Amino acid sequence: MIRQYQKGFSLIELVIVIVILGLLAATAIPRFLNVTEDAEDASVDGVSGGLATAVSFVRSQWEVDGRNNPNVVLDGATISLDDSFGFPTGSTNVDAAAMTDLTCQEVFDNVLQNAPRNVLFNEDAKSQRYVVRVESGKGGNGSGTAINLDGKSVGGIDLCVYYLVESLTLNQNSGIATPAPTRVTGAKTKGVTYNPGNGQVQSFITK
């Protein structure tokens, strides 16, 4: 009768394999995290660029129309704007110093073709890409460019902020961003700002 011997891995061999796997994981995980960060940054920059282009189209149409209309028509859609500056302010609002969360959302949805999914900051954002919040008076002053306001300074302009949902902490039950999104230092948020007084669109990352 022939005896068959079954040989397995020794304890030393197993330890060596575990150590190697640990080293590989320690090297690979940060790279995967960086890939995720890069993808989020690219998403924000892409939306920022698209919004900036769309805002410039609205402004250009306003210029063509003679700088004195409270709205323009682009691709069949009527877009309201502050006729002191010529930049979009939503569907019905025509004052860059009277923006709301809703009118900021309207700008996002109306000027962008196929705008990313979004909700107001105090709504369920579980299946959304961006949440929208206005920062009252944070847009500073703007220089009027309408025919009757050329060069006149206008203050108290609001700022629209579009936060990337992936950079927020959502309540597991309600899906609402908790705490409410902000751009203060330490918030670690990402997104896009839009100033309806000068048309400036910028991406941001707070750390």
N, C-alpha and C. Protein backbone atom coordinates (compact mmCIF):
# COMPACT_ATOMS: atom_id res chain seq x y z
N MET A 1 0.84 -1.19 0.00
CA MET A 1 0.00 0.00 0.00
C MET A 1 0.89 1.25 0.00
N ILE A 2 0.58 2.13 -0.95
CA ILE A 2 1.40 3.34 -1.08
C ILE A 2 0.76 4.46 -0.27
N ARG A 3 1.54 5.10 0.56
CA ARG A 3 1.05 6.21 1.36
C ARG A 3 1.14 7.53 0.56
N GLN A 4 0.05 8.32 0.65
CA GLN A 4 0.05 9.62 -0.03
C GLN A 4 0.18 10.72 1.02
N TYR A 5 1.11 11.58 0.78
CA TYR A 5 1.34 12.69 1.72
C TYR A 5 0.79 13.99 1.11
N GLN A 6 0.01 14.70 1.87
CA GLN A 6 -0.51 16.00 1.42
C GLN A 6 0.24 17.10 2.15
N LYS A 7 0.86 17.95 1.35
CA LYS A 7 1.63 19.04 1.94
C LYS A 7 0.89 20.36 1.78
N GLY A 8 0.77 21.12 2.84
CA GLY A 8 0.16 22.44 2.79
C GLY A 8 1.21 23.51 2.99
N PHE A 9 0.76 24.74 3.10
CA PHE A 9 1.68 25.83 3.35
C PHE A 9 2.11 25.81 4.80
N SER A 10 3.33 26.12 5.01
CA SER A 10 3.81 26.22 6.39
C SER A 10 3.37 27.55 6.98
N LEU A 11 3.42 27.69 8.27
CA LEU A 11 3.02 28.93 8.94
C LEU A 11 3.86 30.12 8.48
N ILE A 12 5.14 29.87 8.28
CA ILE A 12 6.03 30.95 7.82
C ILE A 12 5.62 31.43 6.43
N GLU A 13 5.29 30.48 5.55
CA GLU A 13 4.87 30.86 4.20
C GLU A 13 3.58 31.68 4.24
N LEU A 14 2.65 31.28 5.08
CA LEU A 14 1.39 32.02 5.19
C LEU A 14 1.62 33.44 5.71
N VAL A 15 2.50 33.56 6.70
CA VAL A 15 2.81 34.87 7.25
C VAL A 15 3.43 35.77 6.19
N ILE A 16 4.34 35.20 5.40
CA ILE A 16 4.99 35.97 4.34
C ILE A 16 3.96 36.46 3.31
N VAL A 17 3.02 35.59 2.94
CA VAL A 17 1.98 35.97 1.98
C VAL A 17 1.11 37.09 2.54
N ILE A 18 0.74 36.97 3.82
CA ILE A 18 -0.09 37.99 4.45
C ILE A 18 0.64 39.34 4.49
N VAL A 19 1.92 39.29 4.80
CA VAL A 19 2.71 40.53 4.84
C VAL A 19 2.76 41.17 3.46
N ILE A 20 2.99 40.36 2.43
CA ILE A 20 3.05 40.88 1.06
C ILE A 20 1.71 41.51 0.66
N LEU A 21 0.61 40.81 0.98
CA LEU A 21 -0.71 41.36 0.66
C LEU A 21 -0.96 42.67 1.40
N GLY A 22 -0.50 42.74 2.64
CA GLY A 22 -0.65 43.97 3.41
C GLY A 22 0.11 45.12 2.80
N LEU A 23 1.32 44.84 2.32
CA LEU A 23 2.12 45.89 1.67
C LEU A 23 1.46 46.36 0.38
N LEU A 24 0.94 45.41 -0.38
CA LEU A 24 0.26 45.77 -1.63
C LEU A 24 -0.97 46.63 -1.35
N ALA A 25 -1.73 46.23 -0.33
CA ALA A 25 -2.94 46.99 0.02
C ALA A 25 -2.58 48.39 0.48
N ALA A 26 -1.54 48.51 1.28
CA ALA A 26 -1.12 49.82 1.78
C ALA A 26 -0.68 50.74 0.65
N THR A 27 -0.16 50.15 -0.42
CA THR A 27 0.27 50.93 -1.57
C THR A 27 -0.90 51.28 -2.49
N ALA A 28 -1.81 50.32 -2.67
CA ALA A 28 -2.89 50.49 -3.65
C ALA A 28 -4.03 51.35 -3.15
N ILE A 29 -4.40 51.21 -1.88
CA ILE A 29 -5.58 51.92 -1.37
C ILE A 29 -5.47 53.43 -1.53
N PRO A 30 -4.34 54.05 -1.16
CA PRO A 30 -4.25 55.50 -1.37
C PRO A 30 -4.41 55.91 -2.82
N ARG A 31 -3.92 55.05 -3.72
CA ARG A 31 -4.05 55.38 -5.14
C ARG A 31 -5.51 55.35 -5.57
N PHE A 32 -6.27 54.36 -5.06
CA PHE A 32 -7.69 54.30 -5.38
C PHE A 32 -8.42 55.51 -4.81
N LEU A 33 -8.03 55.93 -3.60
CA LEU A 33 -8.64 57.11 -3.01
C LEU A 33 -8.34 58.34 -3.85
N ASN A 34 -7.12 58.45 -4.35
CA ASN A 34 -6.76 59.58 -5.20
C ASN A 34 -7.56 59.58 -6.49
N VAL A 35 -7.80 58.39 -7.04
CA VAL A 35 -8.59 58.30 -8.27
C VAL A 35 -10.00 58.83 -8.02
N THR A 36 -10.58 58.47 -6.87
CA THR A 36 -11.91 58.96 -6.52
C THR A 36 -11.92 60.47 -6.39
N GLU A 37 -10.91 61.00 -5.70
CA GLU A 37 -10.81 62.45 -5.53
C GLU A 37 -10.67 63.14 -6.88
N ASP A 38 -9.83 62.58 -7.73
CA ASP A 38 -9.62 63.17 -9.06
C ASP A 38 -10.91 63.15 -9.88
N ALA A 39 -11.67 62.07 -9.76
CA ALA A 39 -12.92 61.96 -10.51
C ALA A 39 -13.92 63.01 -10.02
N GLU A 40 -14.00 63.21 -8.71
CA GLU A 40 -14.90 64.22 -8.16
C GLU A 40 -14.48 65.62 -8.61
N ASP A 41 -13.19 65.89 -8.57
CA ASP A 41 -12.69 67.21 -8.99
C ASP A 41 -12.99 67.45 -10.46
N ALA A 42 -12.82 66.41 -11.28
CA ALA A 42 -13.08 66.54 -12.71
C ALA A 42 -14.57 66.79 -12.96
N SER A 43 -15.43 66.14 -12.18
CA SER A 43 -16.87 66.35 -12.31
C SER A 43 -17.24 67.79 -11.99
N VAL A 44 -16.68 68.31 -10.91
CA VAL A 44 -16.97 69.69 -10.51
C VAL A 44 -16.46 70.67 -11.56
N ASP A 45 -15.25 70.45 -12.05
CA ASP A 45 -14.68 71.35 -13.06
C ASP A 45 -15.50 71.31 -14.35
N GLY A 46 -16.00 70.12 -14.70
CA GLY A 46 -16.81 69.99 -15.91
C GLY A 46 -18.11 70.77 -15.81
N VAL A 47 -18.78 70.65 -14.66
CA VAL A 47 -20.03 71.39 -14.45
C VAL A 47 -19.75 72.89 -14.42
N SER A 48 -18.66 73.28 -13.78
CA SER A 48 -18.29 74.69 -13.71
C SER A 48 -18.08 75.26 -15.11
N GLY A 49 -17.36 74.54 -15.94
CA GLY A 49 -17.12 75.01 -17.31
C GLY A 49 -18.40 75.10 -18.12
N GLY A 50 -19.26 74.09 -17.97
CA GLY A 50 -20.53 74.11 -18.70
C GLY A 50 -21.43 75.24 -18.27
N LEU A 51 -21.48 75.49 -16.96
CA LEU A 51 -22.32 76.58 -16.46
C LEU A 51 -21.79 77.93 -16.91
N ALA A 52 -20.48 78.10 -16.88
CA ALA A 52 -19.87 79.36 -17.32
C ALA A 52 -20.19 79.64 -18.79
N THR A 53 -20.12 78.60 -19.61
CA THR A 53 -20.42 78.76 -21.03
C THR A 53 -21.88 79.14 -21.24
N ALA A 54 -22.78 78.46 -20.52
CA ALA A 54 -24.21 78.72 -20.66
C ALA A 54 -24.55 80.14 -20.21
N VAL A 55 -23.94 80.59 -19.12
CA VAL A 55 -24.17 81.94 -18.63
C VAL A 55 -23.70 82.96 -19.66
N SER A 56 -22.58 82.69 -20.30
CA SER A 56 -22.07 83.62 -21.32
C SER A 56 -23.00 83.69 -22.53
N PHE A 57 -23.67 82.56 -22.86
CA PHE A 57 -24.63 82.57 -23.96
C PHE A 57 -25.82 83.48 -23.62
N VAL A 58 -26.29 83.39 -22.37
CA VAL A 58 -27.40 84.24 -21.95
C VAL A 58 -27.00 85.71 -22.04
N ARG A 59 -25.81 86.00 -21.54
CA ARG A 59 -25.34 87.39 -21.57
C ARG A 59 -25.21 87.88 -23.02
N SER A 60 -24.68 87.05 -23.89
CA SER A 60 -24.50 87.44 -25.30
C SER A 60 -25.84 87.74 -25.95
N GLN A 61 -26.85 86.90 -25.65
CA GLN A 61 -28.17 87.14 -26.23
C GLN A 61 -28.77 88.43 -25.70
N TRP A 62 -28.53 88.73 -24.43
CA TRP A 62 -29.00 89.98 -23.83
C TRP A 62 -28.36 91.18 -24.52
N GLU A 63 -27.08 91.07 -24.82
CA GLU A 63 -26.38 92.14 -25.54
C GLU A 63 -27.00 92.34 -26.93
N VAL A 64 -27.25 91.23 -27.62
CA VAL A 64 -27.84 91.30 -28.95
C VAL A 64 -29.22 91.96 -28.91
N ASP A 65 -29.96 91.67 -27.83
CA ASP A 65 -31.32 92.20 -27.71
C ASP A 65 -31.35 93.66 -27.28
N GLY A 66 -30.21 94.27 -27.04
CA GLY A 66 -30.17 95.69 -26.75
C GLY A 66 -29.94 96.09 -25.30
N ARG A 67 -29.57 95.15 -24.45
CA ARG A 67 -29.22 95.42 -23.05
C ARG A 67 -30.34 95.99 -22.19
N ASN A 68 -31.58 95.79 -22.56
CA ASN A 68 -32.65 96.38 -21.74
C ASN A 68 -33.83 95.43 -21.51
N ASN A 69 -33.63 94.14 -21.72
CA ASN A 69 -34.72 93.18 -21.52
C ASN A 69 -34.54 92.41 -20.22
N PRO A 70 -35.64 92.11 -19.51
CA PRO A 70 -35.54 91.33 -18.27
C PRO A 70 -35.48 89.82 -18.52
N ASN A 71 -35.46 89.42 -19.78
CA ASN A 71 -35.34 87.99 -20.08
C ASN A 71 -34.83 87.81 -21.50
N VAL A 72 -34.36 86.61 -21.78
CA VAL A 72 -33.95 86.25 -23.14
C VAL A 72 -34.53 84.88 -23.45
N VAL A 73 -34.56 84.55 -24.72
CA VAL A 73 -35.06 83.24 -25.14
C VAL A 73 -33.90 82.48 -25.78
N LEU A 74 -33.59 81.33 -25.19
CA LEU A 74 -32.54 80.47 -25.72
C LEU A 74 -33.10 79.07 -25.93
N ASP A 75 -32.98 78.56 -27.15
CA ASP A 75 -33.49 77.23 -27.49
C ASP A 75 -34.95 77.06 -27.07
N GLY A 76 -35.72 78.12 -27.23
CA GLY A 76 -37.14 78.05 -26.92
C GLY A 76 -37.49 78.26 -25.47
N ALA A 77 -36.49 78.38 -24.60
CA ALA A 77 -36.74 78.58 -23.17
C ALA A 77 -36.55 80.04 -22.80
N THR A 78 -37.48 80.59 -22.02
CA THR A 78 -37.37 81.96 -21.56
C THR A 78 -36.60 81.98 -20.24
N ILE A 79 -35.53 82.74 -20.21
CA ILE A 79 -34.67 82.82 -19.02
C ILE A 79 -34.66 84.24 -18.50
N SER A 80 -35.11 84.41 -17.26
CA SER A 80 -35.13 85.74 -16.65
C SER A 80 -33.72 86.14 -16.24
N LEU A 81 -33.48 87.44 -16.20
CA LEU A 81 -32.17 87.94 -15.78
C LEU A 81 -32.32 89.31 -15.14
N ASP A 82 -31.30 89.69 -14.42
CA ASP A 82 -31.26 91.04 -13.84
C ASP A 82 -30.79 91.97 -14.94
N ASP A 83 -31.69 92.86 -15.40
CA ASP A 83 -31.32 93.71 -16.54
C ASP A 83 -30.36 94.83 -16.17
N SER A 84 -29.87 94.81 -14.91
CA SER A 84 -28.77 95.71 -14.57
C SER A 84 -27.44 95.11 -15.01
N PHE A 85 -27.41 93.76 -15.10
CA PHE A 85 -26.14 93.07 -15.39
C PHE A 85 -26.21 92.15 -16.61
N GLY A 86 -27.37 91.59 -16.87
CA GLY A 86 -27.51 90.72 -18.03
C GLY A 86 -27.18 89.27 -17.78
N PHE A 87 -27.18 88.84 -16.51
CA PHE A 87 -26.89 87.45 -16.19
C PHE A 87 -28.12 86.77 -15.60
N PRO A 88 -28.30 85.48 -15.86
CA PRO A 88 -29.54 84.78 -15.47
C PRO A 88 -29.78 84.76 -13.96
N THR A 89 -31.08 84.87 -13.62
CA THR A 89 -31.48 84.89 -12.20
C THR A 89 -32.62 83.92 -11.90
N GLY A 90 -32.99 83.07 -12.84
CA GLY A 90 -34.05 82.10 -12.60
C GLY A 90 -35.18 82.24 -13.59
N SER A 91 -36.33 81.64 -13.26
CA SER A 91 -37.47 81.67 -14.17
C SER A 91 -38.29 82.94 -14.04
N THR A 92 -38.40 83.46 -12.83
CA THR A 92 -39.26 84.63 -12.62
C THR A 92 -38.51 85.78 -11.95
N ASN A 93 -37.51 85.48 -11.13
CA ASN A 93 -36.79 86.53 -10.43
C ASN A 93 -35.94 87.35 -11.39
N VAL A 94 -35.91 88.68 -11.20
CA VAL A 94 -35.10 89.55 -12.06
C VAL A 94 -34.20 90.45 -11.22
N ASP A 95 -33.78 89.96 -10.06
CA ASP A 95 -32.96 90.77 -9.17
C ASP A 95 -31.83 89.93 -8.60
N ALA A 96 -30.59 90.29 -8.94
CA ALA A 96 -29.43 89.53 -8.48
C ALA A 96 -29.24 89.63 -6.97
N ALA A 97 -29.92 90.60 -6.34
CA ALA A 97 -29.82 90.77 -4.89
C ALA A 97 -31.03 90.18 -4.18
N ALA A 98 -31.83 89.40 -4.89
CA ALA A 98 -33.01 88.77 -4.29
C ALA A 98 -33.10 87.30 -4.69
N MET A 99 -31.96 86.66 -4.81
CA MET A 99 -31.93 85.25 -5.18
C MET A 99 -32.38 84.39 -4.00
N THR A 100 -32.93 83.24 -4.31
CA THR A 100 -33.32 82.26 -3.29
C THR A 100 -32.73 80.91 -3.67
N ASP A 101 -32.85 79.93 -2.77
CA ASP A 101 -32.40 78.59 -3.12
C ASP A 101 -33.07 78.12 -4.40
N LEU A 102 -34.37 78.41 -4.52
CA LEU A 102 -35.13 77.95 -5.68
C LEU A 102 -34.70 78.64 -6.96
N THR A 103 -34.47 79.95 -6.93
CA THR A 103 -34.07 80.63 -8.17
C THR A 103 -32.65 80.23 -8.58
N CYS A 104 -31.80 79.93 -7.60
CA CYS A 104 -30.47 79.41 -7.94
C CYS A 104 -30.60 78.07 -8.64
N GLN A 105 -31.53 77.24 -8.17
CA GLN A 105 -31.77 75.95 -8.81
C GLN A 105 -32.32 76.15 -10.22
N GLU A 106 -33.19 77.14 -10.39
CA GLU A 106 -33.75 77.41 -11.70
C GLU A 106 -32.67 77.82 -12.70
N VAL A 107 -31.72 78.62 -12.25
CA VAL A 107 -30.60 79.00 -13.13
C VAL A 107 -29.87 77.74 -13.59
N PHE A 108 -29.55 76.88 -12.64
CA PHE A 108 -28.82 75.63 -12.93
C PHE A 108 -29.57 74.78 -13.95
N ASP A 109 -30.88 74.62 -13.73
CA ASP A 109 -31.68 73.75 -14.59
C ASP A 109 -32.00 74.38 -15.94
N ASN A 110 -32.18 75.71 -15.96
CA ASN A 110 -32.64 76.36 -17.18
C ASN A 110 -31.53 76.64 -18.19
N VAL A 111 -30.34 76.99 -17.70
CA VAL A 111 -29.29 77.38 -18.65
C VAL A 111 -28.43 76.20 -19.09
N LEU A 112 -28.41 75.13 -18.29
CA LEU A 112 -27.62 73.95 -18.67
C LEU A 112 -28.48 72.95 -19.44
N GLN A 113 -27.97 72.48 -20.54
CA GLN A 113 -28.64 71.39 -21.22
C GLN A 113 -28.32 70.10 -20.47
N ASN A 114 -29.37 69.37 -20.11
CA ASN A 114 -29.19 68.13 -19.35
C ASN A 114 -28.41 68.38 -18.06
N ALA A 115 -28.93 69.28 -17.24
CA ALA A 115 -28.28 69.63 -15.98
C ALA A 115 -28.18 68.42 -15.06
N PRO A 116 -27.11 68.31 -14.28
CA PRO A 116 -26.98 67.20 -13.32
C PRO A 116 -28.17 67.20 -12.35
N ARG A 117 -28.54 66.00 -11.88
CA ARG A 117 -29.64 65.90 -10.91
C ARG A 117 -29.32 66.74 -9.68
N ASN A 118 -30.31 67.49 -9.21
CA ASN A 118 -30.06 68.36 -8.08
C ASN A 118 -31.32 68.62 -7.29
N VAL A 119 -31.16 68.96 -6.02
CA VAL A 119 -32.27 69.35 -5.15
C VAL A 119 -31.80 70.50 -4.27
N LEU A 120 -32.74 71.12 -3.57
CA LEU A 120 -32.37 72.14 -2.61
C LEU A 120 -31.66 71.49 -1.44
N PHE A 121 -30.85 72.26 -0.73
CA PHE A 121 -29.98 71.69 0.31
C PHE A 121 -30.73 71.04 1.46
N ASN A 122 -32.01 71.39 1.64
CA ASN A 122 -32.78 70.82 2.74
C ASN A 122 -33.75 69.74 2.27
N GLU A 123 -33.44 69.13 1.12
CA GLU A 123 -34.25 68.04 0.59
C GLU A 123 -33.41 66.76 0.48
N ASP A 124 -34.09 65.65 0.27
CA ASP A 124 -33.44 64.34 0.16
C ASP A 124 -32.50 64.32 -1.05
N ALA A 125 -31.21 64.12 -0.78
CA ALA A 125 -30.20 64.18 -1.86
C ALA A 125 -29.58 62.82 -2.14
N LYS A 126 -30.19 61.75 -1.68
CA LYS A 126 -29.58 60.42 -1.81
C LYS A 126 -29.31 60.03 -3.25
N SER A 127 -30.18 60.37 -4.16
CA SER A 127 -30.00 59.97 -5.56
C SER A 127 -29.64 61.15 -6.45
N GLN A 128 -29.11 62.20 -5.84
CA GLN A 128 -28.80 63.42 -6.58
C GLN A 128 -27.29 63.60 -6.73
N ARG A 129 -26.92 64.53 -7.61
CA ARG A 129 -25.51 64.84 -7.82
C ARG A 129 -25.11 66.14 -7.12
N TYR A 130 -26.03 67.10 -7.04
CA TYR A 130 -25.73 68.39 -6.43
C TYR A 130 -26.88 68.84 -5.54
N VAL A 131 -26.54 69.61 -4.51
CA VAL A 131 -27.56 70.31 -3.73
C VAL A 131 -27.30 71.81 -3.87
N VAL A 132 -28.37 72.58 -3.82
CA VAL A 132 -28.31 74.00 -4.14
C VAL A 132 -28.61 74.84 -2.90
N ARG A 133 -27.80 75.88 -2.70
CA ARG A 133 -28.04 76.78 -1.59
C ARG A 133 -27.58 78.18 -1.97
N VAL A 134 -28.35 79.19 -1.55
CA VAL A 134 -27.97 80.57 -1.81
C VAL A 134 -27.24 81.13 -0.60
N GLU A 135 -26.25 81.99 -0.86
CA GLU A 135 -25.57 82.72 0.20
C GLU A 135 -25.93 84.20 0.00
N SER A 136 -26.84 84.67 0.85
CA SER A 136 -27.37 86.03 0.68
C SER A 136 -26.28 87.08 0.88
N GLY A 137 -26.19 87.98 -0.08
CA GLY A 137 -25.27 89.11 0.02
C GLY A 137 -23.80 88.77 -0.13
N LYS A 138 -23.47 87.51 -0.40
CA LYS A 138 -22.06 87.10 -0.47
C LYS A 138 -21.45 87.33 -1.86
N GLY A 139 -22.23 87.86 -2.79
CA GLY A 139 -21.70 88.11 -4.13
C GLY A 139 -21.01 89.45 -4.27
N GLY A 140 -21.04 90.24 -3.19
CA GLY A 140 -20.37 91.53 -3.22
C GLY A 140 -21.10 92.57 -4.05
N ASN A 141 -20.36 93.46 -4.66
CA ASN A 141 -20.93 94.52 -5.49
C ASN A 141 -20.71 94.21 -6.97
N GLY A 142 -21.58 94.76 -7.78
CA GLY A 142 -21.45 94.59 -9.22
C GLY A 142 -21.58 95.92 -9.92
N SER A 143 -20.98 96.03 -11.07
CA SER A 143 -21.06 97.26 -11.85
C SER A 143 -22.12 97.09 -12.92
N GLY A 144 -23.19 97.89 -12.82
CA GLY A 144 -24.28 97.78 -13.78
C GLY A 144 -23.82 98.05 -15.20
N THR A 145 -24.37 97.27 -16.13
CA THR A 145 -23.99 97.44 -17.53
C THR A 145 -25.19 97.73 -18.43
N ALA A 146 -26.37 97.82 -17.82
CA ALA A 146 -27.54 98.17 -18.62
C ALA A 146 -27.40 99.61 -19.11
N ILE A 147 -28.16 99.95 -20.12
CA ILE A 147 -28.07 101.28 -20.71
C ILE A 147 -28.28 102.37 -19.67
N ASN A 148 -29.26 102.17 -18.76
CA ASN A 148 -29.57 103.19 -17.77
C ASN A 148 -28.76 103.06 -16.48
N LEU A 149 -27.90 102.05 -16.39
CA LEU A 149 -27.11 101.85 -15.18
C LEU A 149 -25.63 101.67 -15.48
N ASP A 150 -25.21 102.05 -16.65
CA ASP A 150 -23.85 101.77 -17.08
C ASP A 150 -22.82 102.34 -16.10
N GLY A 151 -22.04 101.43 -15.49
CA GLY A 151 -20.99 101.84 -14.58
C GLY A 151 -21.44 102.05 -13.15
N LYS A 152 -22.74 102.03 -12.89
CA LYS A 152 -23.23 102.24 -11.53
C LYS A 152 -23.01 101.00 -10.68
N SER A 153 -22.51 101.20 -9.45
CA SER A 153 -22.25 100.07 -8.56
C SER A 153 -23.54 99.65 -7.85
N VAL A 154 -23.78 98.35 -7.85
CA VAL A 154 -24.94 97.78 -7.18
C VAL A 154 -24.44 96.79 -6.13
N GLY A 155 -24.91 96.90 -4.89
CA GLY A 155 -24.42 96.06 -3.81
C GLY A 155 -25.42 95.00 -3.38
N GLY A 156 -25.00 94.16 -2.42
CA GLY A 156 -25.88 93.15 -1.84
C GLY A 156 -26.21 92.00 -2.76
N ILE A 157 -25.34 91.71 -3.72
CA ILE A 157 -25.60 90.63 -4.67
C ILE A 157 -25.45 89.28 -3.96
N ASP A 158 -26.35 88.37 -4.30
CA ASP A 158 -26.33 87.04 -3.70
C ASP A 158 -25.42 86.10 -4.49
N LEU A 159 -25.12 84.96 -3.89
CA LEU A 159 -24.23 83.98 -4.52
C LEU A 159 -24.92 82.62 -4.51
N CYS A 160 -24.99 81.98 -5.67
CA CYS A 160 -25.55 80.63 -5.77
C CYS A 160 -24.42 79.62 -5.59
N VAL A 161 -24.67 78.61 -4.76
CA VAL A 161 -23.66 77.59 -4.51
C VAL A 161 -24.26 76.21 -4.81
N TYR A 162 -23.53 75.44 -5.60
CA TYR A 162 -23.96 74.09 -5.98
C TYR A 162 -22.94 73.10 -5.42
N TYR A 163 -23.36 72.36 -4.39
CA TYR A 163 -22.46 71.45 -3.69
C TYR A 163 -22.52 70.05 -4.28
N LEU A 164 -21.37 69.45 -4.50
CA LEU A 164 -21.30 68.07 -4.95
C LEU A 164 -21.75 67.17 -3.80
N VAL A 165 -22.74 66.33 -4.04
CA VAL A 165 -23.31 65.50 -2.97
C VAL A 165 -22.25 64.58 -2.36
N GLU A 166 -21.34 64.06 -3.19
CA GLU A 166 -20.32 63.15 -2.68
C GLU A 166 -19.41 63.79 -1.63
N SER A 167 -19.39 65.11 -1.58
CA SER A 167 -18.54 65.79 -0.60
C SER A 167 -19.30 66.11 0.69
N LEU A 168 -20.57 65.70 0.77
CA LEU A 168 -21.40 66.01 1.93
C LEU A 168 -21.69 64.76 2.74
N THR A 169 -22.11 64.97 3.97
CA THR A 169 -22.58 63.88 4.83
C THR A 169 -24.10 63.94 4.86
N LEU A 170 -24.75 62.85 4.42
CA LEU A 170 -26.20 62.82 4.37
C LEU A 170 -26.77 62.04 5.55
N ASN A 171 -27.89 62.52 6.08
CA ASN A 171 -28.61 61.78 7.10
C ASN A 171 -29.10 60.48 6.49
N GLN A 172 -28.84 59.35 7.13
CA GLN A 172 -29.17 58.05 6.56
C GLN A 172 -30.67 57.87 6.35
N ASN A 173 -31.48 58.51 7.17
CA ASN A 173 -32.93 58.35 7.05
C ASN A 173 -33.55 59.36 6.11
N SER A 174 -33.24 60.63 6.30
CA SER A 174 -33.88 61.68 5.51
C SER A 174 -33.16 61.97 4.20
N GLY A 175 -31.87 61.66 4.13
CA GLY A 175 -31.08 61.98 2.94
C GLY A 175 -30.70 63.44 2.85
N ILE A 176 -30.98 64.21 3.89
CA ILE A 176 -30.66 65.65 3.91
C ILE A 176 -29.23 65.84 4.39
N ALA A 177 -28.52 66.76 3.77
CA ALA A 177 -27.14 67.06 4.16
C ALA A 177 -27.10 67.53 5.61
N THR A 178 -26.31 66.82 6.42
CA THR A 178 -26.21 67.13 7.85
C THR A 178 -24.74 67.14 8.26
N PRO A 179 -24.20 68.25 8.72
CA PRO A 179 -24.86 69.56 8.84
C PRO A 179 -25.12 70.19 7.48
N ALA A 180 -25.86 71.30 7.48
CA ALA A 180 -26.16 71.99 6.23
C ALA A 180 -24.85 72.37 5.53
N PRO A 181 -24.80 72.24 4.22
CA PRO A 181 -23.55 72.49 3.49
C PRO A 181 -23.07 73.93 3.63
N THR A 182 -21.76 74.07 3.73
CA THR A 182 -21.15 75.38 3.87
C THR A 182 -19.76 75.36 3.26
N ARG A 183 -19.22 76.54 2.99
CA ARG A 183 -17.88 76.63 2.41
C ARG A 183 -16.84 77.10 3.41
N VAL A 184 -17.17 77.06 4.70
CA VAL A 184 -16.21 77.50 5.71
C VAL A 184 -15.06 76.51 5.81
N THR A 185 -13.91 76.97 6.27
CA THR A 185 -12.74 76.11 6.42
C THR A 185 -13.07 74.94 7.36
N GLY A 186 -12.71 73.74 6.93
CA GLY A 186 -12.98 72.55 7.71
C GLY A 186 -14.20 71.79 7.25
N ALA A 187 -15.00 72.40 6.38
CA ALA A 187 -16.22 71.73 5.92
C ALA A 187 -15.92 70.61 4.93
N LYS A 188 -14.79 70.72 4.21
CA LYS A 188 -14.38 69.72 3.23
C LYS A 188 -15.47 69.48 2.17
N THR A 189 -15.98 70.55 1.64
CA THR A 189 -17.00 70.46 0.59
C THR A 189 -16.41 70.84 -0.76
N LYS A 190 -17.10 70.39 -1.81
CA LYS A 190 -16.70 70.71 -3.18
C LYS A 190 -17.93 71.17 -3.95
N GLY A 191 -17.70 72.01 -4.93
CA GLY A 191 -18.82 72.44 -5.73
C GLY A 191 -18.51 73.60 -6.64
N VAL A 192 -19.57 74.33 -6.99
CA VAL A 192 -19.48 75.42 -7.96
C VAL A 192 -20.24 76.62 -7.42
N THR A 193 -19.69 77.81 -7.59
CA THR A 193 -20.41 79.04 -7.23
C THR A 193 -20.75 79.82 -8.50
N TYR A 194 -21.87 80.54 -8.42
CA TYR A 194 -22.29 81.39 -9.53
C TYR A 194 -22.73 82.74 -8.98
N ASN A 195 -22.17 83.80 -9.53
CA ASN A 195 -22.49 85.16 -9.11
C ASN A 195 -23.35 85.82 -10.20
N PRO A 196 -24.65 86.07 -9.91
CA PRO A 196 -25.53 86.66 -10.92
C PRO A 196 -25.28 88.14 -11.17
N GLY A 197 -24.35 88.74 -10.41
CA GLY A 197 -24.04 90.14 -10.62
C GLY A 197 -22.92 90.37 -11.62
N ASN A 198 -22.02 89.39 -11.75
CA ASN A 198 -20.94 89.54 -12.72
C ASN A 198 -20.77 88.32 -13.62
N GLY A 199 -21.62 87.31 -13.41
CA GLY A 199 -21.58 86.12 -14.26
C GLY A 199 -20.44 85.17 -13.96
N GLN A 200 -19.68 85.45 -12.91
CA GLN A 200 -18.51 84.62 -12.61
C GLN A 200 -18.94 83.26 -12.06
N VAL A 201 -18.35 82.22 -12.63
CA VAL A 201 -18.58 80.84 -12.20
C VAL A 201 -17.24 80.25 -11.79
N GLN A 202 -17.18 79.68 -10.57
CA GLN A 202 -15.92 79.12 -10.08
C GLN A 202 -16.18 77.78 -9.38
N SER A 203 -15.24 76.87 -9.55
CA SER A 203 -15.30 75.63 -8.77
C SER A 203 -14.51 75.87 -7.48
N PHE A 204 -14.87 75.14 -6.43
CA PHE A 204 -14.18 75.33 -5.15
C PHE A 204 -14.01 74.00 -4.42
N ILE A 205 -12.99 73.94 -3.58
CA ILE A 205 -12.75 72.81 -2.69
C ILE A 205 -12.36 73.40 -1.35
N THR A 206 -13.16 73.18 -0.32
CA THR A 206 -12.80 73.66 1.02
C THR A 206 -12.15 72.53 1.78
N LYS A 207 -11.13 72.85 2.56
CA LYS A 207 -10.38 71.84 3.30
C LYS A 207 -10.43 72.11 4.80
